[in-house]
Amino acid sequence: MATLQGGFSCLMQSELDDQVRLLSDPDVQFAYVNRPADRIDLDVNLAAAEPSRSSRSACSIDRPRRFPSAAP
């Protein structure tokens, strides 16, 4: 980090250029996309795969929401 201005650390242009160069590398992109799943990803996938515990008809997600119109 280059300087500290008002509690915010500013990046130097060379640091930004290095990060862009690194993240633009196809091998780095491939490795990032194919990295092992984080624990949170595993938990979310597991929760999404579980059947709902509540009645499907009680779920309001399937029904369109109606909002009062702004006009009187």
C-alpha atoms as a PDB file:
ATOM      1  CA  MET A   1       0.000   0.000   0.000  1.00  0.00           C
ATOM      2  CA  ALA A   2       1.329   3.369  -0.929  1.00  0.00           C
ATOM      3  CA  THR A   3      -0.144   6.030   1.324  1.00  0.00           C
ATOM      4  CA  LEU A   4      -2.787   6.417   3.963  1.00  0.00           C
ATOM      5  CA  GLN A   5      -5.304   9.182   3.252  1.00  0.00           C
ATOM      6  CA  GLY A   6      -8.105   9.747   5.712  1.00  0.00           C
ATOM      7  CA  GLY A   7      -8.016   6.168   7.003  1.00  0.00           C
ATOM      8  CA  PHE A   8      -8.053   4.595   3.543  1.00  0.00           C
ATOM      9  CA  SER A   9      -5.048   2.771   2.128  1.00  0.00           C
ATOM     10  CA  CYS A  10      -4.455   3.742  -1.487  1.00  0.00           C
ATOM     11  CA  LEU A  11      -3.029   1.329  -4.024  1.00  0.00           C
ATOM     12  CA  MET A  12      -0.119   2.312  -6.154  1.00  0.00           C
ATOM     13  CA  GLN A  13      -0.748   1.991  -9.903  1.00  0.00           C
ATOM     14  CA  SER A  14       2.008  -0.618 -10.152  1.00  0.00           C
ATOM     15  CA  GLU A  15       0.232  -2.789  -7.536  1.00  0.00           C
ATOM     16  CA  LEU A  16      -3.021  -2.530  -9.457  1.00  0.00           C
ATOM     17  CA  ASP A  17      -1.256  -3.362 -12.734  1.00  0.00           C
ATOM     18  CA  ASP A  18       0.332  -6.451 -11.125  1.00  0.00           C
ATOM     19  CA  GLN A  19      -3.046  -7.695  -9.875  1.00  0.00           C
ATOM     20  CA  VAL A  20      -4.709  -7.156 -13.263  1.00  0.00           C
ATOM     21  CA  ARG A  21      -1.841  -8.948 -14.992  1.00  0.00           C
ATOM     22  CA  LEU A  22      -2.087 -11.875 -12.571  1.00  0.00           C
ATOM     23  CA  LEU A  23      -5.870 -12.195 -12.754  1.00  0.00           C
ATOM     24  CA  SER A  24      -5.814 -11.910 -16.567  1.00  0.00           C
ATOM     25  CA  ASP A  25      -3.657 -15.037 -16.873  1.00  0.00           C
ATOM     26  CA  PRO A  26      -5.776 -17.926 -18.270  1.00  0.00           C
ATOM     27  CA  ASP A  27      -4.049 -20.443 -15.966  1.00  0.00           C
ATOM     28  CA  VAL A  28      -4.865 -18.337 -12.900  1.00  0.00           C
ATOM     29  CA  GLN A  29      -8.479 -17.948 -14.030  1.00  0.00           C
ATOM     30  CA  PHE A  30      -8.755 -21.712 -14.581  1.00  0.00           C
ATOM     31  CA  ALA A  31      -7.282 -22.453 -11.153  1.00  0.00           C
ATOM     32  CA  TYR A  32      -9.672 -19.981  -9.469  1.00  0.00           C
ATOM     33  CA  VAL A  33     -12.764 -21.360 -11.175  1.00  0.00           C
ATOM     34  CA  ASN A  34     -11.777 -24.962 -10.426  1.00  0.00           C
ATOM     35  CA  ARG A  35     -10.650 -24.424  -6.830  1.00  0.00           C
ATOM     36  CA  PRO A  36     -12.113 -26.645  -4.121  1.00  0.00           C
ATOM     37  CA  ALA A  37     -15.425 -25.414  -2.756  1.00  0.00           C
ATOM     38  CA  ASP A  38     -15.350 -23.345   0.429  1.00  0.00           C
ATOM     39  CA  ARG A  39     -17.236 -24.604   3.468  1.00  0.00           C
ATOM     40  CA  ILE A  40     -19.934 -21.969   2.928  1.00  0.00           C
ATOM     41  CA  ASP A  41     -20.453 -23.166  -0.660  1.00  0.00           C
ATOM     42  CA  LEU A  42     -20.854 -26.734   0.552  1.00  0.00           C
ATOM     43  CA  ASP A  43     -23.337 -25.641   3.235  1.00  0.00           C
ATOM     44  CA  VAL A  44     -25.412 -23.602   0.765  1.00  0.00           C
ATOM     45  CA  ASN A  45     -25.515 -26.466  -1.733  1.00  0.00           C
ATOM     46  CA  LEU A  46     -26.549 -28.893   1.001  1.00  0.00           C
ATOM     47  CA  ALA A  47     -29.298 -26.560   2.245  1.00  0.00           C
ATOM     48  CA  ALA A  48     -30.581 -26.012  -1.298  1.00  0.00           C
ATOM     49  CA  ALA A  49     -30.760 -29.763  -1.891  1.00  0.00           C
ATOM     50  CA  GLU A  50     -32.827 -30.459   1.249  1.00  0.00           C
ATOM     51  CA  PRO A  51     -36.593 -30.691   0.773  1.00  0.00           C
ATOM     52  CA  SER A  52     -38.563 -27.855   2.274  1.00  0.00           C
ATOM     53  CA  ARG A  53     -39.796 -28.516   5.814  1.00  0.00           C
ATOM     54  CA  SER A  54     -42.855 -26.295   5.390  1.00  0.00           C
ATOM     55  CA  SER A  55     -45.871 -26.815   3.199  1.00  0.00           C
ATOM     56  CA  ARG A  56     -45.303 -25.753  -0.401  1.00  0.00           C
ATOM     57  CA  SER A  57     -48.654 -23.960  -0.485  1.00  0.00           C
ATOM     58  CA  ALA A  58     -47.590 -21.765   2.444  1.00  0.00           C
ATOM     59  CA  CYS A  59     -44.662 -20.428   0.474  1.00  0.00           C
ATOM     60  CA  SER A  60     -45.253 -16.929  -0.883  1.00  0.00           C
ATOM     61  CA  ILE A  61     -42.338 -17.131  -3.331  1.00  0.00           C
ATOM     62  CA  ASP A  62     -44.477 -18.845  -5.968  1.00  0.00           C
ATOM     63  CA  ARG A  63     -47.159 -16.179  -5.893  1.00  0.00           C
ATOM     64  CA  PRO A  64     -46.653 -12.780  -7.528  1.00  0.00           C
ATOM     65  CA  ARG A  65     -46.569  -9.910  -5.082  1.00  0.00           C
ATOM     66  CA  ARG A  66     -49.096  -7.146  -5.417  1.00  0.00           C
ATOM     67  CA  PHE A  67     -48.107  -3.693  -4.298  1.00  0.00           C
ATOM     68  CA  PRO A  68     -50.496  -0.769  -3.807  1.00  0.00           C
ATOM     69  CA  SER A  69     -50.318   1.684  -6.665  1.00  0.00           C
ATOM     70  CA  ALA A  70     -48.719   5.038  -6.039  1.00  0.00           C
ATOM     71  CA  ALA A  71     -51.608   6.913  -7.646  1.00  0.00           C
ATOM     72  CA  PRO A  72     -54.584   7.803  -5.373  1.00  0.00           C
END
